[in-house]
Amino acid sequence: MPEHDIRETEVLVVGAGPTGLCSAVDVARRGVPHRIIDRNPGPAIGSRGKGLQPRSLEVLDDLGVVDTILTAGTIGMPLRLHQNQKFAVELATAGSGPRPGVPYPDLLVIPEWRVEQVLADRLRELGSSVSFGCGLTSFRQDEDSVIAELDTGETIRARYLIGCDGGHSTVRRQLGLGMQGLTHDDQHFLVGDVVIDGLDDAAAYAWFSEDGGYLAVSPLPQADGAWQFQANVLPAPDGTIPEPTLDLFRRLFADRTGRTDITMSRPTWLSRYRFNARMVDRYRQGRVFLAGDAAHVHSPAGGQGMNTGIQDAYNLGWKLAAVLDGAPEVLLDSYGVERIPVAAKVLADSSRGFESVFALRGMRRVLRDHLIFPLIKRPVVMSRLLAATSQLTISYPNSPLTVAATRRHRGPGPGDRAPDARGVDVDGSPLRLFDIMRGTHWTLLGFGPGSIQPLSELAAAIAPSARTCLVLDTATHTPSVDLEMLIGAEAERVYRARSGTLVLIRPDGYIAARTPTVDAISAYLRGFHLLD
């Protein structure tokens, strides 16, 4: 193709699932020229991943779509477990609502196609859209760019390429990166979206049989009566796996639940999958990055797949924008350093979850049925299980972007997620720390009167790249200074911060530094070209 026929952009995103759409939204709101392509003719229709974890809801808050997402989903849907067709226990999946530091504490049930729809709408608001029917066929890269060839005959030259094209990633394959891990060939699952009549749609349901059979159905919010159906099946003696059909779903349901009063109809999506726990050993090769299922695939146990991909995108987007604006390359190197250990832990945890539920024989299955299931009925146990999958405790303590704390402290530190806190502004109007952090900027918090001078010194110098906020526990002695303020005791309690403490928060909501000295903050900001 002649040179003048090559389309130019800064970032090319391949794949328009939740990971790719989050990548595109994040760079779009930062003003980065980009293109997002997907080989499919249009948006996906299957429910697939159907749960957003608390940390993902915080990400979607920052991206400007959380209210729409919350309206489209359901929080607090209980799960009714059955053993051998008999009701065993109802598990609560929600707590008592927002708490200090955590505005979205509960899992939100929402089909993946709806998440994609909301993100695509947000992308259009930002002046961009997905190019469907555009598949990547090949690419090559040099020191300055990536040249991508599409199956439409189009050629795109981008500064960077992000492969978000799923478990069968073309990008990963062309990089020559294999996935390491395990696959359970003895466990296959059928999944689909079907209309179910006769079940109370205020809950999800699961049935476990003595012969190892499993079946679960979950109502999909605002989906015209559709439910997600899942069931495990064993390979036939010749190794073949049955095709997912509505008739097979009906037979499995009747056999495993014992109920013949339930009807299924109008399938909109039918599929099957094997249990995989596999990932690549690096997320970056030159100017090409992998994110989401293109980098890691694992069991649905714990509802981590879509959520891990969303956070991959959120981790990478601000770094690409900063480097394109002149920041050092170490930002891009930190992507894999931070996210690979997260994926490795998710794979390990989901594998253990899978083994504890599906790969049991003999006495281990008896223990599951008669000890573990009754145990998780206890609210404190279920609460801990849900907290373990919330992704709120993900931390990057060993990142090159994390400054070691200069003194011991009890609250969240460098590398940790920056918690929310509620308070008021100087006029008494409600204000949250997440209101201050929301956007594309860094955030510098100063706690107590002891931080007024350093904040005042830095505020003008680091604006608009960073937003500063003075956090006070009371409005009784509000100082007359030209600083934004959050007033209320909750922030000091959540952060356990003494007067004079400075907390620098990255654009993705993780703490970069926590220190009482302005010099440490200044040196850090200079390193990323945020301070002269």
Protein backbone atom coordinates (compact mmCIF):
# COMPACT_ATOMS: atom_id res chain seq x y z
CA MET A 1 0.00 0.00 0.00
CA PRO A 2 1.40 3.46 -0.86
CA GLU A 3 2.60 5.50 2.10
CA HIS A 4 -0.18 8.08 1.71
CA ASP A 5 -2.85 5.37 2.10
CA ILE A 6 -1.73 4.45 5.62
CA ARG A 7 -4.06 5.70 8.37
CA GLU A 8 -2.23 7.26 11.31
CA THR A 9 -3.19 7.10 14.98
CA GLU A 10 -1.51 6.97 18.38
CA VAL A 11 -3.11 3.87 19.92
CA LEU A 12 -4.75 0.95 18.11
CA VAL A 13 -7.01 -1.20 20.30
CA VAL A 14 -7.78 -4.65 18.90
CA GLY A 15 -10.97 -6.16 20.35
CA ALA A 16 -14.15 -4.49 21.62
CA GLY A 17 -15.02 -6.53 24.69
CA PRO A 18 -15.01 -4.88 28.13
CA THR A 19 -11.19 -4.74 28.18
CA GLY A 20 -10.86 -3.14 24.77
CA LEU A 21 -13.71 -0.71 25.38
CA CYS A 22 -12.24 0.37 28.72
CA SER A 23 -8.90 0.91 26.99
CA ALA A 24 -10.52 3.03 24.30
CA VAL A 25 -12.62 5.05 26.75
CA ASP A 26 -9.61 5.74 28.95
CA VAL A 27 -7.35 6.99 26.17
CA ALA A 28 -10.24 8.87 24.53
CA ARG A 29 -11.00 10.89 27.66
CA ARG A 30 -7.31 11.82 27.78
CA GLY A 31 -7.44 13.21 24.26
CA VAL A 32 -5.26 10.48 22.74
CA PRO A 33 -5.97 9.80 19.04
CA HIS A 34 -6.91 6.14 18.76
CA ARG A 35 -8.77 3.49 16.84
CA ILE A 36 -10.67 0.46 18.20
CA ILE A 37 -11.44 -2.43 15.86
CA ASP A 38 -13.26 -5.75 16.20
CA ARG A 39 -13.50 -8.55 13.67
CA ASN A 40 -17.09 -9.39 14.61
CA PRO A 41 -19.87 -7.81 12.54
CA GLY A 42 -21.44 -6.15 15.58
CA PRO A 43 -21.65 -6.12 19.37
CA ALA A 44 -21.61 -9.46 21.19
CA ILE A 45 -24.90 -10.85 22.52
CA GLY A 46 -23.98 -13.43 25.19
CA SER A 47 -24.10 -12.77 28.93
CA ARG A 48 -20.67 -14.48 29.39
CA GLY A 49 -19.12 -12.89 32.49
CA LYS A 50 -22.08 -11.58 34.47
CA GLY A 51 -20.63 -9.93 37.57
CA LEU A 52 -18.79 -6.70 38.31
CA GLN A 53 -16.68 -6.68 41.45
CA PRO A 54 -16.43 -3.66 43.79
CA ARG A 55 -13.09 -2.47 42.40
CA SER A 56 -14.41 -2.61 38.83
CA LEU A 57 -17.35 -0.46 39.89
CA GLU A 58 -14.86 2.09 41.21
CA VAL A 59 -13.07 2.03 37.86
CA LEU A 60 -16.37 2.53 36.04
CA ASP A 61 -17.15 5.41 38.41
CA ASP A 62 -13.96 7.12 37.27
CA LEU A 63 -14.78 6.41 33.62
CA GLY A 64 -18.14 8.13 34.05
CA VAL A 65 -20.57 5.23 33.66
CA VAL A 66 -21.17 3.75 37.11
CA ASP A 67 -24.67 5.21 37.57
CA THR A 68 -25.84 3.68 34.29
CA ILE A 69 -24.17 0.38 35.17
CA LEU A 70 -25.80 0.24 38.61
CA THR A 71 -29.22 0.96 37.12
CA ALA A 72 -28.75 -1.86 34.61
CA GLY A 73 -27.67 -4.48 37.15
CA THR A 74 -28.77 -6.13 40.38
CA ILE A 75 -27.02 -6.02 43.76
CA GLY A 76 -27.70 -8.51 46.50
CA MET A 77 -29.04 -11.44 44.50
CA PRO A 78 -28.96 -14.47 46.84
CA LEU A 79 -27.78 -17.89 45.69
CA ARG A 80 -29.92 -20.91 46.59
CA LEU A 81 -27.80 -24.07 46.75
CA HIS A 82 -29.30 -27.54 46.35
CA GLN A 83 -27.74 -30.94 47.01
CA ASN A 84 -29.19 -33.96 45.23
CA GLN A 85 -32.29 -31.95 44.25
CA LYS A 86 -32.95 -30.84 47.84
CA PHE A 87 -32.62 -27.25 49.01
CA ALA A 88 -29.53 -26.86 51.23
CA VAL A 89 -28.78 -23.22 51.94
CA GLU A 90 -29.39 -19.68 50.71
CA LEU A 91 -26.25 -17.57 50.49
CA ALA A 92 -26.37 -13.80 50.80
CA THR A 93 -24.16 -11.97 48.31
CA ALA A 94 -24.53 -8.42 49.61
CA GLY A 95 -23.76 -6.61 52.83
CA SER A 96 -25.33 -3.56 54.40
CA GLY A 97 -24.36 -1.05 51.71
CA PRO A 98 -21.56 1.53 51.39
CA ARG A 99 -19.11 1.79 54.26
CA PRO A 100 -16.18 4.09 55.03
CA GLY A 101 -13.64 3.80 52.25
CA VAL A 102 -15.80 1.55 50.06
CA PRO A 103 -18.70 3.13 48.14
CA TYR A 104 -19.52 -0.02 46.14
CA PRO A 105 -19.00 -2.98 48.49
CA ASP A 106 -21.06 -5.61 46.68
CA LEU A 107 -20.98 -7.71 43.52
CA LEU A 108 -23.24 -6.38 40.76
CA VAL A 109 -24.95 -8.96 38.55
CA ILE A 110 -25.05 -7.66 34.99
CA PRO A 111 -24.58 -9.43 31.64
CA GLU A 112 -21.33 -8.71 29.86
CA TRP A 113 -23.09 -7.51 26.73
CA ARG A 114 -24.77 -4.79 28.80
CA VAL A 115 -21.42 -3.63 30.18
CA GLU A 116 -20.12 -3.42 26.63
CA GLN A 117 -23.20 -1.48 25.55
CA VAL A 118 -22.72 1.11 28.30
CA LEU A 119 -19.01 1.50 27.54
CA ALA A 120 -19.68 1.82 23.81
CA ASP A 121 -22.20 4.58 24.53
CA ARG A 122 -19.60 6.36 26.67
CA LEU A 123 -17.05 6.03 23.89
CA ARG A 124 -19.47 7.69 21.47
CA GLU A 125 -19.96 10.53 23.96
CA LEU A 126 -16.20 11.02 23.76
CA GLY A 127 -16.35 11.26 19.97
CA SER A 128 -15.21 7.76 19.05
CA SER A 129 -16.76 4.39 18.15
CA VAL A 130 -15.90 0.78 17.43
CA SER A 131 -15.04 -0.22 13.87
CA PHE A 132 -16.83 -3.58 13.64
CA GLY A 133 -16.12 -5.98 10.80
CA CYS A 134 -12.45 -5.01 10.90
CA GLY A 135 -10.16 -7.90 11.76
CA LEU A 136 -6.43 -7.69 12.34
CA THR A 137 -4.57 -9.96 9.93
CA SER A 138 -0.95 -9.05 10.70
CA PHE A 139 1.31 -6.37 12.10
CA ARG A 140 4.94 -5.43 12.27
CA GLN A 141 6.71 -2.99 14.53
CA ASP A 142 9.85 -0.89 14.53
CA GLU A 143 11.38 1.54 17.00
CA ASP A 144 8.75 4.19 16.38
CA SER A 145 5.47 2.52 15.43
CA VAL A 146 3.34 -0.53 14.76
CA ILE A 147 2.02 -1.11 11.24
CA ALA A 148 -1.21 -3.14 11.29
CA GLU A 149 -2.91 -4.76 8.30
CA LEU A 150 -6.68 -5.29 8.48
CA ASP A 151 -8.82 -7.78 6.59
CA THR A 152 -10.65 -4.82 5.06
CA GLY A 153 -7.48 -3.93 3.14
CA GLU A 154 -6.81 -0.97 5.41
CA THR A 155 -3.39 -0.27 6.92
CA ILE A 156 -3.01 1.55 10.23
CA ARG A 157 0.18 2.97 11.69
CA ALA A 158 0.00 3.49 15.46
CA ARG A 159 2.52 4.41 18.10
CA TYR A 160 1.22 1.54 20.26
CA LEU A 161 -1.09 -1.46 19.88
CA ILE A 162 -3.16 -3.09 22.66
CA GLY A 163 -4.30 -6.65 22.05
CA CYS A 164 -7.66 -7.13 23.79
CA ASP A 165 -8.86 -9.77 21.36
CA GLY A 166 -9.67 -12.59 23.76
CA GLY A 167 -8.50 -16.10 24.49
CA HIS A 168 -7.84 -16.86 20.81
CA SER A 169 -5.90 -13.62 20.39
CA THR A 170 -4.44 -12.89 16.97
CA VAL A 171 -2.13 -10.35 18.58
CA ARG A 172 -0.73 -12.86 21.07
CA ARG A 173 -0.27 -15.50 18.39
CA GLN A 174 1.60 -13.13 16.09
CA LEU A 175 3.86 -12.10 18.95
CA GLY A 176 4.73 -15.77 19.35
CA LEU A 177 3.71 -15.80 23.01
CA GLY A 178 2.35 -19.07 24.34
CA MET A 179 0.11 -19.51 27.35
CA GLN A 180 1.40 -21.54 30.26
CA GLY A 181 -0.84 -23.31 32.76
CA LEU A 182 -3.37 -26.10 32.80
CA THR A 183 -6.57 -27.21 31.12
CA HIS A 184 -9.08 -29.67 32.58
CA ASP A 185 -10.00 -31.85 29.61
CA ASP A 186 -12.28 -33.95 31.83
CA GLN A 187 -14.55 -31.01 32.66
CA HIS A 188 -16.59 -29.27 29.99
CA PHE A 189 -19.34 -26.74 30.56
CA LEU A 190 -22.36 -25.74 28.55
CA VAL A 191 -23.54 -22.16 28.89
CA GLY A 192 -26.27 -20.09 27.32
CA ASP A 193 -28.92 -17.42 27.68
CA VAL A 194 -32.50 -18.74 27.66
CA VAL A 195 -35.88 -17.55 28.90
CA ILE A 196 -36.98 -19.51 31.98
CA ASP A 197 -40.52 -19.52 33.36
CA GLY A 198 -41.52 -20.96 36.71
CA LEU A 199 -38.57 -19.92 38.89
CA ASP A 200 -38.52 -17.00 41.31
CA ASP A 201 -36.24 -14.46 39.64
CA ALA A 202 -35.27 -12.86 42.96
CA ALA A 203 -32.46 -15.41 43.32
CA ALA A 204 -29.90 -17.47 41.44
CA TYR A 205 -29.87 -21.27 41.83
CA ALA A 206 -27.30 -24.07 41.80
CA TRP A 207 -27.69 -27.85 42.05
CA PHE A 208 -24.95 -30.35 42.91
CA SER A 209 -25.47 -34.09 42.36
CA GLU A 210 -23.78 -37.10 43.93
CA ASP A 211 -22.46 -38.15 40.53
CA GLY A 212 -20.58 -34.86 40.15
CA GLY A 213 -23.24 -33.13 38.12
CA TYR A 214 -23.60 -29.36 38.42
CA LEU A 215 -26.21 -26.98 37.07
CA ALA A 216 -26.78 -23.31 37.77
CA VAL A 217 -29.17 -20.66 36.50
CA SER A 218 -29.08 -16.94 37.17
CA PRO A 219 -31.63 -14.30 36.13
CA LEU A 220 -30.18 -11.55 33.96
CA PRO A 221 -31.34 -8.05 34.92
CA GLN A 222 -33.45 -6.19 32.38
CA ALA A 223 -33.03 -8.92 29.79
CA ASP A 224 -36.68 -9.75 28.94
CA GLY A 225 -36.87 -12.81 31.17
CA ALA A 226 -33.54 -14.31 30.10
CA TRP A 227 -31.43 -16.37 32.48
CA GLN A 228 -27.87 -17.59 32.16
CA PHE A 229 -27.73 -21.41 32.19
CA GLN A 230 -24.57 -23.39 33.05
CA ALA A 231 -24.00 -27.12 33.46
CA ASN A 232 -21.02 -29.44 33.38
CA VAL A 233 -20.89 -32.42 31.03
CA LEU A 234 -18.43 -35.27 30.65
CA PRO A 235 -16.91 -36.28 27.32
CA ALA A 236 -18.46 -39.28 25.61
CA PRO A 237 -16.37 -42.50 25.40
CA ASP A 238 -15.15 -41.38 21.98
CA GLY A 239 -14.09 -38.03 23.46
CA THR A 240 -16.80 -35.94 21.84
CA ILE A 241 -18.59 -33.18 23.72
CA PRO A 242 -22.32 -32.61 23.17
CA GLU A 243 -23.34 -29.51 21.30
CA PRO A 244 -25.24 -26.95 23.40
CA THR A 245 -28.91 -27.03 22.40
CA LEU A 246 -32.12 -25.94 24.05
CA ASP A 247 -33.35 -29.56 24.18
CA LEU A 248 -30.17 -30.64 25.98
CA PHE A 249 -30.52 -27.77 28.44
CA ARG A 250 -34.09 -28.88 29.18
CA ARG A 251 -33.06 -32.50 29.76
CA LEU A 252 -30.16 -31.56 32.03
CA PHE A 253 -32.39 -29.27 34.05
CA ALA A 254 -35.04 -31.93 34.60
CA ASP A 255 -32.47 -34.63 35.45
CA ARG A 256 -30.44 -32.56 37.91
CA THR A 257 -33.16 -30.55 39.60
CA GLY A 258 -36.02 -33.05 39.54
CA ARG A 259 -38.36 -30.28 38.45
CA THR A 260 -40.61 -30.69 35.45
CA ASP A 261 -42.70 -27.58 36.05
CA ILE A 262 -40.06 -25.24 34.60
CA THR A 263 -40.07 -24.21 30.95
CA MET A 264 -37.18 -22.96 28.83
CA SER A 265 -37.50 -21.15 25.54
CA ARG A 266 -36.06 -18.48 23.22
CA PRO A 267 -32.33 -19.15 23.39
CA THR A 268 -30.28 -16.14 22.26
CA TRP A 269 -26.79 -17.51 22.90
CA LEU A 270 -25.51 -21.08 23.35
CA SER A 271 -21.88 -22.01 23.89
CA ARG A 272 -19.47 -24.30 25.73
CA TYR A 273 -16.08 -24.02 27.36
CA ARG A 274 -13.38 -25.95 29.18
CA PHE A 275 -11.75 -24.96 32.42
CA ASN A 276 -8.48 -23.17 31.67
CA ALA A 277 -5.95 -21.51 33.96
CA ARG A 278 -3.34 -20.16 31.58
CA MET A 279 -1.41 -16.94 31.05
CA VAL A 280 1.49 -15.45 29.15
CA ASP A 281 4.77 -14.65 30.89
CA ARG A 282 4.96 -11.06 29.65
CA TYR A 283 2.41 -8.41 28.76
CA ARG A 284 4.59 -6.22 26.58
CA GLN A 285 6.72 -6.84 23.54
CA GLY A 286 8.08 -3.62 22.15
CA ARG A 287 5.17 -1.36 21.29
CA VAL A 288 2.55 -4.08 21.61
CA PHE A 289 0.66 -4.92 24.80
CA LEU A 290 -1.71 -7.70 25.82
CA ALA A 291 -4.67 -7.23 28.16
CA GLY A 292 -7.65 -9.23 29.40
CA ASP A 293 -8.26 -12.73 28.06
CA ALA A 294 -5.55 -12.21 25.46
CA ALA A 295 -3.09 -12.34 28.37
CA HIS A 296 -4.82 -14.68 30.85
CA VAL A 297 -7.75 -17.10 30.87
CA HIS A 298 -9.14 -18.87 33.90
CA SER A 299 -12.10 -20.48 35.60
CA PRO A 300 -15.26 -18.41 36.09
CA ALA A 301 -14.98 -19.27 39.81
CA GLY A 302 -14.99 -16.04 41.78
CA GLY A 303 -16.16 -13.87 38.88
CA GLN A 304 -12.72 -12.46 38.10
CA GLY A 305 -12.29 -12.66 34.32
CA MET A 306 -14.04 -9.54 33.02
CA ASN A 307 -12.95 -7.65 36.13
CA THR A 308 -9.26 -8.47 35.74
CA GLY A 309 -9.37 -7.36 32.12
CA ILE A 310 -11.05 -4.07 33.03
CA GLN A 311 -8.28 -3.36 35.51
CA ASP A 312 -5.58 -4.31 32.99
CA ALA A 313 -6.98 -1.63 30.70
CA TYR A 314 -7.29 0.91 33.50
CA ASN A 315 -3.69 0.30 34.56
CA LEU A 316 -2.32 0.77 31.06
CA GLY A 317 -4.39 3.63 29.64
CA TRP A 318 -3.03 6.49 31.73
CA LYS A 319 0.53 5.25 31.28
CA LEU A 320 0.28 5.23 27.49
CA ALA A 321 -1.18 8.73 27.51
CA ALA A 322 1.59 9.99 29.79
CA VAL A 323 4.39 8.47 27.71
CA LEU A 324 2.88 9.87 24.52
CA ASP A 325 3.01 13.23 26.31
CA GLY A 326 6.71 12.85 27.15
CA ALA A 327 6.80 10.84 30.39
CA PRO A 328 9.56 8.21 30.77
CA GLU A 329 9.20 4.67 29.38
CA VAL A 330 9.41 3.16 32.87
CA LEU A 331 5.69 3.81 33.06
CA LEU A 332 5.07 1.26 30.32
CA ASP A 333 7.48 -1.25 31.83
CA SER A 334 5.49 -1.05 35.07
CA TYR A 335 2.36 -2.43 33.39
CA GLY A 336 3.58 -6.01 33.36
CA VAL A 337 5.42 -5.66 36.67
CA GLU A 338 2.14 -4.69 38.33
CA ARG A 339 -0.43 -6.78 36.50
CA ILE A 340 1.29 -10.15 35.95
CA PRO A 341 1.37 -11.01 39.68
CA VAL A 342 -2.31 -10.07 39.91
CA ALA A 343 -3.24 -12.44 37.08
CA ALA A 344 -1.08 -15.20 38.56
CA LYS A 345 -2.91 -14.92 41.88
CA VAL A 346 -6.30 -14.83 40.17
CA LEU A 347 -5.41 -18.00 38.26
CA ALA A 348 -4.26 -19.73 41.44
CA ASP A 349 -7.34 -18.68 43.40
CA SER A 350 -9.80 -19.58 40.64
CA SER A 351 -8.08 -22.95 40.18
CA ARG A 352 -8.45 -23.69 43.87
CA GLY A 353 -12.08 -22.64 43.68
CA PHE A 354 -12.66 -24.92 40.73
CA GLU A 355 -10.92 -27.86 42.40
CA SER A 356 -12.87 -27.40 45.62
CA VAL A 357 -16.21 -27.50 43.82
CA PHE A 358 -15.84 -29.66 40.71
CA ALA A 359 -12.78 -31.89 40.98
CA LEU A 360 -13.78 -33.72 44.16
CA ARG A 361 -14.12 -37.44 44.70
CA GLY A 362 -15.13 -39.61 47.62
CA MET A 363 -14.58 -38.15 51.08
CA ARG A 364 -13.57 -34.73 49.75
CA ARG A 365 -16.97 -34.40 48.11
CA VAL A 366 -18.65 -35.49 51.35
CA LEU A 367 -16.72 -32.79 53.21
CA ARG A 368 -17.79 -30.20 50.65
CA ASP A 369 -21.44 -31.16 50.92
CA HIS A 370 -21.65 -31.60 54.69
CA LEU A 371 -19.03 -29.20 56.04
CA ILE A 372 -18.16 -26.47 53.55
CA PHE A 373 -21.68 -25.73 52.27
CA PRO A 374 -23.13 -25.39 55.80
CA LEU A 375 -20.11 -23.33 56.86
CA ILE A 376 -20.51 -20.71 54.13
CA LYS A 377 -24.05 -20.11 55.32
CA ARG A 378 -22.53 -18.13 58.17
CA PRO A 379 -22.50 -14.41 57.27
CA VAL A 380 -18.94 -13.87 58.49
CA VAL A 381 -17.63 -16.70 56.30
CA MET A 382 -19.53 -15.56 53.22
CA SER A 383 -18.41 -12.00 53.84
CA ARG A 384 -14.77 -13.09 53.80
CA LEU A 385 -15.26 -15.08 50.62
CA LEU A 386 -16.82 -12.09 48.88
CA ALA A 387 -14.07 -9.78 50.16
CA ALA A 388 -11.45 -12.12 48.72
CA THR A 389 -12.87 -11.66 45.22
CA SER A 390 -13.68 -7.93 45.48
CA GLN A 391 -10.25 -6.95 44.07
CA LEU A 392 -10.13 -4.08 46.58
CA THR A 393 -6.99 -5.48 48.20
CA ILE A 394 -4.92 -5.63 45.01
CA SER A 395 -1.67 -3.78 45.67
CA TYR A 396 1.52 -2.91 43.79
CA PRO A 397 4.13 -2.62 46.56
CA ASN A 398 7.02 -3.72 44.33
CA SER A 399 6.22 -1.47 41.40
CA PRO A 400 8.88 0.93 40.11
CA LEU A 401 6.18 3.60 40.50
CA THR A 402 5.83 3.00 44.24
CA VAL A 403 7.90 5.01 46.72
CA ALA A 404 8.67 3.15 49.92
CA ALA A 405 7.10 4.78 52.97
CA THR A 406 9.48 7.00 54.92
CA ARG A 407 8.02 5.97 58.25
CA ARG A 408 5.75 3.32 59.70
CA HIS A 409 2.02 3.86 59.41
CA ARG A 410 -1.13 1.83 59.92
CA GLY A 411 -3.31 3.02 57.05
CA PRO A 412 -3.09 2.32 53.31
CA GLY A 413 0.41 2.84 52.01
CA PRO A 414 2.37 3.09 48.76
CA GLY A 415 1.11 0.58 46.22
CA ASP A 416 -2.29 0.18 47.87
CA ARG A 417 -5.66 1.25 46.52
CA ALA A 418 -6.58 4.76 47.66
CA PRO A 419 -9.85 4.44 49.60
CA ASP A 420 -12.82 6.75 49.29
CA ALA A 421 -14.04 8.91 52.19
CA ARG A 422 -17.12 11.07 52.70
CA GLY A 423 -17.16 14.65 53.94
CA VAL A 424 -18.19 18.15 52.90
CA ASP A 425 -16.54 21.05 51.11
CA VAL A 426 -16.05 24.53 52.59
CA ASP A 427 -19.65 25.41 51.75
CA GLY A 428 -21.02 22.36 53.52
CA SER A 429 -21.99 20.50 50.34
CA PRO A 430 -21.39 16.72 50.27
CA LEU A 431 -17.99 15.78 48.87
CA ARG A 432 -16.13 12.48 48.52
CA LEU A 433 -12.47 11.80 47.97
CA PHE A 434 -13.51 9.91 44.83
CA ASP A 435 -15.07 13.16 43.59
CA ILE A 436 -11.66 14.78 43.90
CA MET A 437 -9.81 11.83 42.35
CA ARG A 438 -12.26 11.32 39.47
CA GLY A 439 -10.69 12.27 36.15
CA THR A 440 -7.40 11.95 34.31
CA HIS A 441 -5.20 13.72 36.85
CA TRP A 442 -2.95 12.77 39.75
CA THR A 443 -4.20 13.71 43.23
CA LEU A 444 -2.20 15.06 46.16
CA LEU A 445 -3.88 14.91 49.56
CA GLY A 446 -2.57 16.79 52.56
CA PHE A 447 -3.89 15.80 55.97
CA GLY A 448 -4.39 18.29 58.77
CA PRO A 449 -3.05 21.82 59.32
CA GLY A 450 0.51 20.51 59.14
CA SER A 451 0.17 19.97 55.39
CA ILE A 452 -1.07 23.47 54.49
CA GLN A 453 2.36 24.90 53.67
CA PRO A 454 3.61 22.05 51.43
CA LEU A 455 0.27 21.84 49.64
CA SER A 456 0.30 25.59 49.04
CA GLU A 457 3.83 25.35 47.65
CA LEU A 458 2.94 22.58 45.21
CA ALA A 459 -0.64 23.35 44.19
CA ALA A 460 0.02 25.88 41.44
CA ALA A 461 3.17 24.16 40.20
CA ILE A 462 1.55 20.79 39.55
CA ALA A 463 -1.82 21.97 38.21
CA PRO A 464 -3.54 20.87 36.00
CA SER A 465 -1.70 17.52 35.94
CA ALA A 466 -2.45 17.01 39.62
CA ARG A 467 -5.27 18.15 41.88
CA THR A 468 -4.51 19.07 45.48
CA CYS A 469 -6.85 18.77 48.44
CA LEU A 470 -6.48 19.68 52.10
CA VAL A 471 -8.21 17.13 54.34
CA LEU A 472 -9.42 18.41 57.72
CA ASP A 473 -11.33 16.54 60.38
CA THR A 474 -13.40 19.54 61.44
CA ALA A 475 -14.63 22.84 60.03
CA THR A 476 -14.20 24.66 63.35
CA HIS A 477 -10.89 26.22 62.37
CA THR A 478 -11.00 26.25 58.58
CA PRO A 479 -7.88 28.10 57.39
CA SER A 480 -8.11 31.00 54.95
CA VAL A 481 -6.04 29.45 52.18
CA ASP A 482 -6.57 29.01 48.46
CA LEU A 483 -6.85 25.23 48.61
CA GLU A 484 -9.64 22.79 47.87
CA MET A 485 -10.79 21.15 51.09
CA LEU A 486 -12.53 18.00 52.22
CA ILE A 487 -13.85 18.41 55.74
CA GLY A 488 -14.83 15.42 57.85
CA ALA A 489 -13.27 12.87 60.17
CA GLU A 490 -13.85 9.85 57.92
CA ALA A 491 -10.83 10.44 55.66
CA GLU A 492 -8.38 10.70 58.55
CA ARG A 493 -9.84 7.52 60.06
CA VAL A 494 -9.72 5.58 56.80
CA TYR A 495 -6.18 6.69 55.95
CA ARG A 496 -5.03 6.80 59.60
CA ALA A 497 -3.08 9.89 58.68
CA ARG A 498 -1.39 12.29 61.08
CA SER A 499 -1.33 16.01 60.49
CA GLY A 500 1.33 16.79 57.91
CA THR A 501 0.97 13.55 55.97
CA LEU A 502 1.05 13.89 52.19
CA VAL A 503 -0.48 11.17 50.01
CA LEU A 504 0.17 11.18 46.26
CA ILE A 505 -2.39 9.16 44.28
CA ARG A 506 -1.89 7.97 40.72
CA PRO A 507 -4.50 8.54 37.99
CA ASP A 508 -5.66 4.92 38.41
CA GLY A 509 -6.38 5.38 42.11
CA TYR A 510 -3.33 3.72 43.65
CA ILE A 511 -1.07 5.39 46.19
CA ALA A 512 2.32 6.31 44.73
CA ALA A 513 3.80 7.89 47.86
CA ARG A 514 2.92 8.59 51.47
CA THR A 515 5.32 10.88 53.27
CA PRO A 516 5.53 13.91 55.57
CA THR A 517 8.20 15.57 53.39
CA VAL A 518 7.49 17.78 50.42
CA ASP A 519 10.91 17.00 48.91
CA ALA A 520 9.97 13.35 48.32
CA ILE A 521 6.77 14.36 46.54
CA SER A 522 8.58 16.99 44.46
CA ALA A 523 11.28 14.54 43.36
CA TYR A 524 8.69 11.97 42.36
CA LEU A 525 6.65 14.47 40.34
CA ARG A 526 9.77 15.75 38.56
CA GLY A 527 10.56 12.18 37.53
CA PHE A 528 7.29 12.05 35.62
CA HIS A 529 7.57 15.55 34.17
CA LEU A 530 4.76 16.88 36.36
CA LEU A 531 6.96 19.45 38.06
CA ASP A 532 9.72 21.63 36.65
